[in-house]
């Protein structure tokens, strides 16, 4: 009689009830094609730029609710990118797009136009968003679950 350790992925070692049954691979391997990953990172970068532009317009237009909504949207994008890609680059890509866009929008134009006022809300948006991007990019993501039968 064989012990439970002799059971493989195909079921019991001896010709029991589950003999010959093939278990599916779990979790399914994540496609690691370099072009697909770079495409996802590029889309996240563009989404970060869009979120930065929309947040810049909302944060002063509907103060204080617009500020909270703009920061919540940015944090959701940063955290969602990290969870989607399961990498820190997934959280950093929208953070970079957001930060570059927001910093470019802070500069004044030759005509004297500017998008950010000199209020406390603008500084909270700038610093809070950058802090959230750094936090989401540096927080360690949990490892994917490992099936129990793999290491028994």
N, C-alpha and C. Protein backbone atom coordinates (compact mmCIF):
# COMPACT_ATOMS: atom_id res chain seq x y z
N UNK A 1 0.85 -1.17 0.00
CA UNK A 1 0.00 0.00 0.00
C UNK A 1 0.90 1.23 0.00
N UNK A 2 0.60 2.17 -0.88
CA UNK A 2 1.39 3.38 -0.99
C UNK A 2 0.77 4.46 -0.14
N UNK A 3 1.60 5.38 0.31
CA UNK A 3 1.11 6.47 1.15
C UNK A 3 0.48 7.55 0.28
N UNK A 4 -0.15 8.52 0.93
CA UNK A 4 -0.80 9.63 0.23
C UNK A 4 0.19 10.50 -0.52
N UNK A 5 1.49 10.40 -0.15
CA UNK A 5 2.50 11.21 -0.81
C UNK A 5 2.77 10.72 -2.22
N UNK A 6 2.42 9.46 -2.53
CA UNK A 6 2.70 8.92 -3.84
C UNK A 6 1.66 9.33 -4.87
N UNK A 7 0.61 10.00 -4.45
CA UNK A 7 -0.40 10.43 -5.39
C UNK A 7 0.14 11.60 -6.19
N UNK A 8 0.03 11.51 -7.49
CA UNK A 8 0.53 12.57 -8.36
C UNK A 8 -0.60 13.48 -8.81
N UNK A 9 -0.32 14.24 -9.84
CA UNK A 9 -1.33 15.16 -10.37
C UNK A 9 -2.42 14.41 -11.13
N UNK A 10 -2.16 13.17 -11.51
CA UNK A 10 -3.14 12.42 -12.27
C UNK A 10 -4.13 11.67 -11.39
N UNK A 11 -4.05 11.80 -10.10
CA UNK A 11 -4.96 11.11 -9.20
C UNK A 11 -4.21 10.10 -8.36
N UNK A 12 -4.91 9.10 -7.79
CA UNK A 12 -4.27 8.11 -6.93
C UNK A 12 -3.22 7.30 -7.70
N UNK A 13 -2.18 6.87 -6.99
CA UNK A 13 -1.09 6.12 -7.61
C UNK A 13 -1.56 4.76 -8.09
N UNK A 14 -2.45 4.15 -7.38
CA UNK A 14 -2.96 2.84 -7.78
C UNK A 14 -4.24 3.05 -8.58
N UNK A 15 -4.75 2.06 -9.21
CA UNK A 15 -5.90 2.17 -10.08
C UNK A 15 -7.20 2.43 -9.34
N UNK A 16 -7.28 3.45 -8.53
CA UNK A 16 -8.47 3.78 -7.75
C UNK A 16 -9.50 4.53 -8.58
N UNK A 17 -10.36 5.21 -7.87
CA UNK A 17 -11.48 5.91 -8.48
C UNK A 17 -11.05 6.99 -9.47
N UNK A 18 -10.05 7.75 -9.15
CA UNK A 18 -9.66 8.89 -9.98
C UNK A 18 -8.48 8.60 -10.88
N UNK A 19 -8.17 7.34 -11.15
CA UNK A 19 -7.01 7.01 -11.97
C UNK A 19 -7.21 7.53 -13.39
N UNK A 20 -6.18 8.13 -13.94
CA UNK A 20 -6.21 8.62 -15.30
C UNK A 20 -6.85 9.99 -15.45
N UNK A 21 -7.33 10.58 -14.37
CA UNK A 21 -7.97 11.89 -14.45
C UNK A 21 -6.90 12.97 -14.43
N UNK A 22 -6.90 13.82 -15.42
CA UNK A 22 -5.91 14.90 -15.52
C UNK A 22 -6.46 16.15 -14.87
N UNK A 23 -5.78 16.68 -13.87
CA UNK A 23 -6.19 17.92 -13.23
C UNK A 23 -5.68 19.10 -14.03
N UNK A 24 -6.47 20.16 -14.14
CA UNK A 24 -6.01 21.34 -14.90
C UNK A 24 -4.91 22.06 -14.13
N UNK A 25 -4.07 22.72 -14.90
CA UNK A 25 -3.03 23.54 -14.26
C UNK A 25 -3.70 24.71 -13.56
N UNK A 26 -3.38 24.90 -12.30
CA UNK A 26 -3.94 26.01 -11.55
C UNK A 26 -2.87 26.62 -10.70
N UNK A 27 -2.69 27.87 -10.64
CA UNK A 27 -3.34 28.87 -11.47
C UNK A 27 -2.80 28.81 -12.88
N UNK A 28 -3.58 29.26 -13.82
CA UNK A 28 -3.16 29.25 -15.22
C UNK A 28 -1.95 30.17 -15.38
N UNK A 29 -0.97 29.75 -16.15
CA UNK A 29 0.20 30.60 -16.31
C UNK A 29 -0.18 31.92 -16.99
N UNK A 30 0.38 32.99 -16.47
CA UNK A 30 0.11 34.31 -17.03
C UNK A 30 0.95 34.47 -18.29
N UNK A 31 0.33 34.90 -19.39
CA UNK A 31 1.13 35.08 -20.60
C UNK A 31 2.23 36.11 -20.36
N UNK A 32 3.42 35.75 -20.70
CA UNK A 32 4.54 36.64 -20.42
C UNK A 32 5.16 37.19 -21.69
N UNK A 33 4.38 37.30 -22.73
CA UNK A 33 4.91 37.86 -23.96
C UNK A 33 5.32 39.31 -23.70
N UNK A 34 6.51 39.62 -24.10
CA UNK A 34 7.06 40.94 -23.82
C UNK A 34 6.25 42.05 -24.48
N UNK A 35 5.78 41.83 -25.68
CA UNK A 35 5.03 42.86 -26.38
C UNK A 35 3.69 43.10 -25.69
N UNK A 36 3.04 42.03 -25.23
CA UNK A 36 1.75 42.19 -24.54
C UNK A 36 1.93 42.96 -23.23
N UNK A 37 2.98 42.63 -22.48
CA UNK A 37 3.24 43.35 -21.23
C UNK A 37 3.52 44.82 -21.48
N UNK A 38 4.35 45.10 -22.47
CA UNK A 38 4.67 46.50 -22.78
C UNK A 38 3.42 47.24 -23.25
N UNK A 39 2.54 46.56 -23.96
CA UNK A 39 1.30 47.17 -24.39
C UNK A 39 0.42 47.54 -23.20
N UNK A 40 0.33 46.64 -22.22
CA UNK A 40 -0.46 46.91 -21.02
C UNK A 40 0.16 48.07 -20.24
N UNK A 41 1.47 48.09 -20.13
CA UNK A 41 2.13 49.18 -19.42
C UNK A 41 1.91 50.52 -20.14
N UNK A 42 1.92 50.51 -21.47
CA UNK A 42 1.67 51.73 -22.22
C UNK A 42 0.24 52.23 -22.02
N UNK A 43 -0.71 51.30 -22.03
CA UNK A 43 -2.11 51.69 -21.80
C UNK A 43 -2.26 52.27 -20.40
N UNK A 44 -1.60 51.68 -19.41
CA UNK A 44 -1.65 52.22 -18.04
C UNK A 44 -1.01 53.60 -17.96
N UNK A 45 0.07 53.81 -18.71
CA UNK A 45 0.72 55.12 -18.75
C UNK A 45 -0.23 56.17 -19.32
N UNK A 46 -0.92 55.84 -20.41
CA UNK A 46 -1.87 56.77 -21.02
C UNK A 46 -3.05 57.02 -20.07
N UNK A 47 -3.54 55.98 -19.41
CA UNK A 47 -4.63 56.16 -18.45
C UNK A 47 -4.19 57.05 -17.29
N UNK A 48 -2.94 56.94 -16.88
CA UNK A 48 -2.42 57.82 -15.83
C UNK A 48 -2.41 59.27 -16.29
N UNK A 49 -2.05 59.50 -17.56
CA UNK A 49 -2.06 60.87 -18.08
C UNK A 49 -3.49 61.41 -18.16
N UNK A 50 -4.43 60.57 -18.55
CA UNK A 50 -5.83 60.99 -18.62
C UNK A 50 -6.36 61.30 -17.21
N UNK A 51 -6.03 60.43 -16.25
CA UNK A 51 -6.48 60.65 -14.88
C UNK A 51 -5.86 61.92 -14.30
N UNK A 52 -4.62 62.20 -14.64
CA UNK A 52 -3.97 63.43 -14.16
C UNK A 52 -4.61 64.67 -14.74
N UNK A 53 -4.96 64.62 -16.03
CA UNK A 53 -5.61 65.77 -16.66
C UNK A 53 -7.01 65.99 -16.09
N UNK A 54 -7.78 64.91 -15.97
CA UNK A 54 -9.14 65.03 -15.43
C UNK A 54 -9.11 65.48 -13.97
N UNK A 55 -8.19 64.93 -13.20
CA UNK A 55 -8.07 65.32 -11.80
C UNK A 55 -7.66 66.76 -11.63
N UNK A 56 -6.80 67.24 -12.53
CA UNK A 56 -6.38 68.64 -12.46
C UNK A 56 -7.54 69.59 -12.68
N UNK A 57 -8.44 69.20 -13.56
CA UNK A 57 -9.60 70.04 -13.83
C UNK A 57 -10.65 69.93 -12.72
N UNK A 58 -10.79 68.75 -12.13
CA UNK A 58 -11.82 68.52 -11.12
C UNK A 58 -11.45 69.04 -9.74
N UNK A 59 -10.19 68.97 -9.39
CA UNK A 59 -9.80 69.24 -8.01
C UNK A 59 -10.09 70.67 -7.58
N UNK A 60 -10.01 71.62 -8.49
CA UNK A 60 -10.32 72.99 -8.10
C UNK A 60 -11.74 73.39 -8.48
N UNK A 61 -12.31 72.68 -9.44
CA UNK A 61 -13.65 73.03 -9.90
C UNK A 61 -14.73 72.67 -8.89
N UNK A 62 -14.58 71.56 -8.19
CA UNK A 62 -15.59 71.11 -7.22
C UNK A 62 -14.96 70.91 -5.85
N UNK A 63 -14.23 71.88 -5.39
CA UNK A 63 -13.53 71.75 -4.10
C UNK A 63 -14.54 71.65 -2.97
N UNK A 64 -14.38 70.81 -1.99
CA UNK A 64 -13.38 69.79 -1.73
C UNK A 64 -13.74 68.41 -2.30
N UNK A 65 -14.99 68.24 -2.75
CA UNK A 65 -15.39 66.93 -3.27
C UNK A 65 -14.62 66.53 -4.51
N UNK A 66 -14.31 67.48 -5.38
CA UNK A 66 -13.54 67.18 -6.58
C UNK A 66 -12.13 66.74 -6.25
N UNK A 67 -11.55 67.33 -5.22
CA UNK A 67 -10.21 66.94 -4.78
C UNK A 67 -10.20 65.50 -4.29
N UNK A 68 -11.17 65.16 -3.47
CA UNK A 68 -11.26 63.79 -2.95
C UNK A 68 -11.50 62.81 -4.08
N UNK A 69 -12.39 63.15 -5.00
CA UNK A 69 -12.69 62.28 -6.13
C UNK A 69 -11.48 62.11 -7.05
N UNK A 70 -10.76 63.19 -7.30
CA UNK A 70 -9.57 63.12 -8.16
C UNK A 70 -8.49 62.25 -7.54
N UNK A 71 -8.27 62.42 -6.24
CA UNK A 71 -7.26 61.59 -5.57
C UNK A 71 -7.70 60.13 -5.49
N UNK A 72 -8.99 59.90 -5.24
CA UNK A 72 -9.49 58.52 -5.18
C UNK A 72 -9.36 57.83 -6.53
N UNK A 73 -9.64 58.55 -7.61
CA UNK A 73 -9.48 57.97 -8.94
C UNK A 73 -8.03 57.65 -9.25
N UNK A 74 -7.13 58.54 -8.86
CA UNK A 74 -5.71 58.30 -9.11
C UNK A 74 -5.21 57.11 -8.30
N UNK A 75 -5.58 57.05 -7.03
CA UNK A 75 -5.15 55.92 -6.19
C UNK A 75 -5.73 54.61 -6.72
N UNK A 76 -6.99 54.64 -7.15
CA UNK A 76 -7.60 53.44 -7.71
C UNK A 76 -6.88 52.97 -8.96
N UNK A 77 -6.46 53.89 -9.79
CA UNK A 77 -5.72 53.53 -11.00
C UNK A 77 -4.35 52.97 -10.66
N UNK A 78 -3.64 53.59 -9.73
CA UNK A 78 -2.31 53.09 -9.36
C UNK A 78 -2.40 51.69 -8.75
N UNK A 79 -3.30 51.52 -7.80
CA UNK A 79 -3.44 50.24 -7.13
C UNK A 79 -3.97 49.18 -8.09
N UNK A 80 -4.93 49.56 -8.94
CA UNK A 80 -5.48 48.61 -9.91
C UNK A 80 -4.44 48.17 -10.93
N UNK A 81 -3.58 49.08 -11.36
CA UNK A 81 -2.51 48.69 -12.28
C UNK A 81 -1.55 47.71 -11.65
N UNK A 82 -1.24 47.91 -10.38
CA UNK A 82 -0.36 46.98 -9.69
C UNK A 82 -1.00 45.61 -9.51
N UNK A 83 -2.29 45.60 -9.17
CA UNK A 83 -2.98 44.32 -8.99
C UNK A 83 -3.20 43.61 -10.32
N UNK A 84 -3.47 44.37 -11.38
CA UNK A 84 -3.69 43.77 -12.70
C UNK A 84 -2.43 43.09 -13.21
N UNK A 85 -1.31 43.77 -13.11
CA UNK A 85 -0.05 43.24 -13.65
C UNK A 85 0.70 42.38 -12.66
N UNK A 86 0.35 42.47 -11.38
CA UNK A 86 1.05 41.76 -10.31
C UNK A 86 2.53 42.11 -10.27
N UNK A 87 2.83 43.34 -10.67
CA UNK A 87 4.21 43.84 -10.61
C UNK A 87 4.18 45.27 -10.10
N UNK A 88 5.33 45.72 -9.67
CA UNK A 88 5.44 47.11 -9.23
C UNK A 88 5.44 48.06 -10.41
N UNK A 89 5.89 47.57 -11.55
CA UNK A 89 5.88 48.41 -12.76
C UNK A 89 4.44 48.70 -13.16
N UNK A 90 3.53 47.76 -12.90
CA UNK A 90 2.12 47.98 -13.21
C UNK A 90 1.54 49.14 -12.42
N UNK A 91 2.02 49.39 -11.23
CA UNK A 91 1.57 50.52 -10.44
C UNK A 91 2.37 51.78 -10.77
N UNK A 92 3.62 51.60 -11.17
CA UNK A 92 4.46 52.76 -11.46
C UNK A 92 4.13 53.39 -12.81
N UNK A 93 3.68 52.60 -13.77
CA UNK A 93 3.39 53.14 -15.11
C UNK A 93 2.30 54.21 -15.08
N UNK A 94 1.14 53.95 -14.46
CA UNK A 94 0.16 55.04 -14.40
C UNK A 94 0.62 56.17 -13.49
N UNK A 95 1.44 55.87 -12.50
CA UNK A 95 1.98 56.91 -11.63
C UNK A 95 2.89 57.86 -12.39
N UNK A 96 3.70 57.32 -13.27
CA UNK A 96 4.59 58.16 -14.08
C UNK A 96 3.78 59.01 -15.05
N UNK A 97 2.79 58.40 -15.70
CA UNK A 97 1.94 59.16 -16.61
C UNK A 97 1.20 60.27 -15.89
N UNK A 98 0.70 59.98 -14.69
CA UNK A 98 -0.02 60.97 -13.89
C UNK A 98 0.93 62.11 -13.48
N UNK A 99 2.09 61.74 -12.95
CA UNK A 99 3.02 62.75 -12.43
C UNK A 99 3.55 63.66 -13.54
N UNK A 100 3.93 63.08 -14.67
CA UNK A 100 4.45 63.90 -15.76
C UNK A 100 3.38 64.86 -16.27
N UNK A 101 2.17 64.35 -16.41
CA UNK A 101 1.08 65.20 -16.90
C UNK A 101 0.78 66.33 -15.93
N UNK A 102 0.69 66.02 -14.66
CA UNK A 102 0.36 67.03 -13.66
C UNK A 102 1.47 68.08 -13.55
N UNK A 103 2.71 67.65 -13.60
CA UNK A 103 3.81 68.61 -13.52
C UNK A 103 3.83 69.51 -14.75
N UNK A 104 3.55 68.94 -15.93
CA UNK A 104 3.49 69.76 -17.14
C UNK A 104 2.33 70.75 -17.09
N UNK A 105 1.24 70.36 -16.43
CA UNK A 105 0.09 71.26 -16.34
C UNK A 105 0.29 72.38 -15.31
N UNK A 106 1.28 72.27 -14.44
CA UNK A 106 1.51 73.31 -13.44
C UNK A 106 2.26 74.51 -14.02
N UNK A 107 2.91 74.33 -15.15
CA UNK A 107 3.66 75.44 -15.73
C UNK A 107 2.70 76.46 -16.33
N UNK A 108 3.08 77.71 -16.27
CA UNK A 108 2.24 78.76 -16.86
C UNK A 108 2.64 78.96 -18.31
N UNK A 109 1.71 79.38 -19.08
CA UNK A 109 1.93 79.64 -20.51
C UNK A 109 2.42 81.07 -20.71
N UNK A 110 2.95 81.40 -21.88
CA UNK A 110 3.41 82.76 -22.13
C UNK A 110 2.29 83.80 -22.02
N UNK A 111 1.06 83.38 -22.27
CA UNK A 111 -0.06 84.32 -22.17
C UNK A 111 -0.44 84.60 -20.72
N UNK A 112 0.11 83.83 -19.78
CA UNK A 112 -0.20 84.02 -18.38
C UNK A 112 -1.26 83.05 -17.87
N UNK A 113 -1.74 82.15 -18.73
CA UNK A 113 -2.74 81.17 -18.32
C UNK A 113 -2.08 80.07 -17.51
N UNK A 114 -2.82 79.56 -16.55
CA UNK A 114 -2.34 78.41 -15.79
C UNK A 114 -3.54 77.60 -15.35
N UNK A 115 -3.31 76.34 -15.03
CA UNK A 115 -4.39 75.43 -14.68
C UNK A 115 -4.55 75.29 -13.17
N UNK A 116 -3.47 75.42 -12.44
CA UNK A 116 -3.51 75.26 -10.99
C UNK A 116 -3.49 76.62 -10.31
N UNK A 117 -4.40 76.80 -9.37
CA UNK A 117 -4.37 78.01 -8.56
C UNK A 117 -3.38 77.84 -7.42
N UNK A 118 -3.17 78.90 -6.67
CA UNK A 118 -2.20 78.88 -5.58
C UNK A 118 -2.88 78.55 -4.25
N UNK A 119 -3.84 77.65 -4.26
CA UNK A 119 -4.54 77.30 -3.03
C UNK A 119 -4.00 76.02 -2.42
N UNK A 120 -4.49 75.71 -1.25
CA UNK A 120 -4.04 74.51 -0.55
C UNK A 120 -4.50 73.25 -1.27
N UNK A 121 -5.65 73.30 -1.96
CA UNK A 121 -6.16 72.14 -2.68
C UNK A 121 -5.22 71.68 -3.78
N UNK A 122 -4.60 72.61 -4.47
CA UNK A 122 -3.67 72.25 -5.53
C UNK A 122 -2.44 71.53 -4.98
N UNK A 123 -1.95 72.02 -3.86
CA UNK A 123 -0.78 71.37 -3.25
C UNK A 123 -1.13 69.99 -2.70
N UNK A 124 -2.31 69.85 -2.12
CA UNK A 124 -2.75 68.54 -1.63
C UNK A 124 -2.88 67.57 -2.80
N UNK A 125 -3.42 68.05 -3.91
CA UNK A 125 -3.56 67.19 -5.09
C UNK A 125 -2.20 66.76 -5.63
N UNK A 126 -1.29 67.70 -5.78
CA UNK A 126 0.04 67.39 -6.31
C UNK A 126 0.81 66.44 -5.40
N UNK A 127 0.94 66.81 -4.14
CA UNK A 127 1.74 66.01 -3.22
C UNK A 127 1.04 64.72 -2.83
N UNK A 128 -0.27 64.78 -2.65
CA UNK A 128 -1.01 63.57 -2.29
C UNK A 128 -1.00 62.54 -3.40
N UNK A 129 -1.15 63.00 -4.64
CA UNK A 129 -1.11 62.07 -5.77
C UNK A 129 0.26 61.45 -5.96
N UNK A 130 1.30 62.25 -5.81
CA UNK A 130 2.66 61.69 -5.94
C UNK A 130 2.97 60.72 -4.81
N UNK A 131 2.53 61.06 -3.60
CA UNK A 131 2.72 60.14 -2.47
C UNK A 131 1.96 58.84 -2.70
N UNK A 132 0.74 58.93 -3.20
CA UNK A 132 -0.05 57.72 -3.46
C UNK A 132 0.60 56.87 -4.55
N UNK A 133 1.15 57.50 -5.58
CA UNK A 133 1.82 56.74 -6.64
C UNK A 133 3.03 55.99 -6.11
N UNK A 134 3.81 56.66 -5.29
CA UNK A 134 4.99 56.01 -4.72
C UNK A 134 4.59 54.88 -3.77
N UNK A 135 3.56 55.13 -2.96
CA UNK A 135 3.11 54.09 -2.02
C UNK A 135 2.59 52.86 -2.76
N UNK A 136 1.78 53.06 -3.78
CA UNK A 136 1.23 51.92 -4.51
C UNK A 136 2.31 51.17 -5.28
N UNK A 137 3.33 51.87 -5.73
CA UNK A 137 4.40 51.21 -6.48
C UNK A 137 5.38 50.47 -5.57
N UNK A 138 5.45 50.85 -4.31
CA UNK A 138 6.43 50.20 -3.43
C UNK A 138 5.83 49.19 -2.46
N UNK A 139 4.52 49.19 -2.30
CA UNK A 139 3.91 48.21 -1.41
C UNK A 139 4.06 46.83 -2.04
N UNK A 140 4.51 45.89 -1.24
CA UNK A 140 4.72 44.53 -1.74
C UNK A 140 3.36 43.89 -2.05
N UNK A 141 3.24 43.34 -3.25
CA UNK A 141 2.02 42.67 -3.64
C UNK A 141 2.07 41.23 -3.16
N UNK A 142 0.95 40.67 -2.75
CA UNK A 142 0.96 39.27 -2.31
C UNK A 142 1.25 38.34 -3.48
N UNK A 143 1.92 37.26 -3.16
CA UNK A 143 2.22 36.27 -4.18
C UNK A 143 0.94 35.55 -4.59
N UNK A 144 0.86 35.09 -5.83
CA UNK A 144 -0.33 34.35 -6.23
C UNK A 144 -0.44 33.06 -5.44
N UNK A 145 -1.66 32.58 -5.22
CA UNK A 145 -1.83 31.36 -4.44
C UNK A 145 -1.21 30.15 -5.13
N UNK A 146 -0.68 29.25 -4.34
CA UNK A 146 -0.06 28.04 -4.85
C UNK A 146 -0.97 26.87 -4.47
N UNK A 147 -1.28 25.98 -5.43
CA UNK A 147 -2.14 24.86 -5.08
C UNK A 147 -1.49 23.96 -4.04
N UNK A 148 -2.32 23.46 -3.14
CA UNK A 148 -1.81 22.65 -2.03
C UNK A 148 -1.14 21.36 -2.45
N UNK A 149 -1.60 20.73 -3.52
CA UNK A 149 -1.03 19.44 -3.89
C UNK A 149 0.34 19.56 -4.51
N UNK A 150 0.78 20.75 -4.84
CA UNK A 150 2.06 20.94 -5.52
C UNK A 150 3.24 20.64 -4.60
N UNK A 151 3.11 20.92 -3.31
CA UNK A 151 4.24 20.75 -2.40
C UNK A 151 3.96 19.71 -1.32
N UNK A 152 3.12 18.80 -1.58
CA UNK A 152 2.86 17.74 -0.59
C UNK A 152 3.58 16.49 -0.92
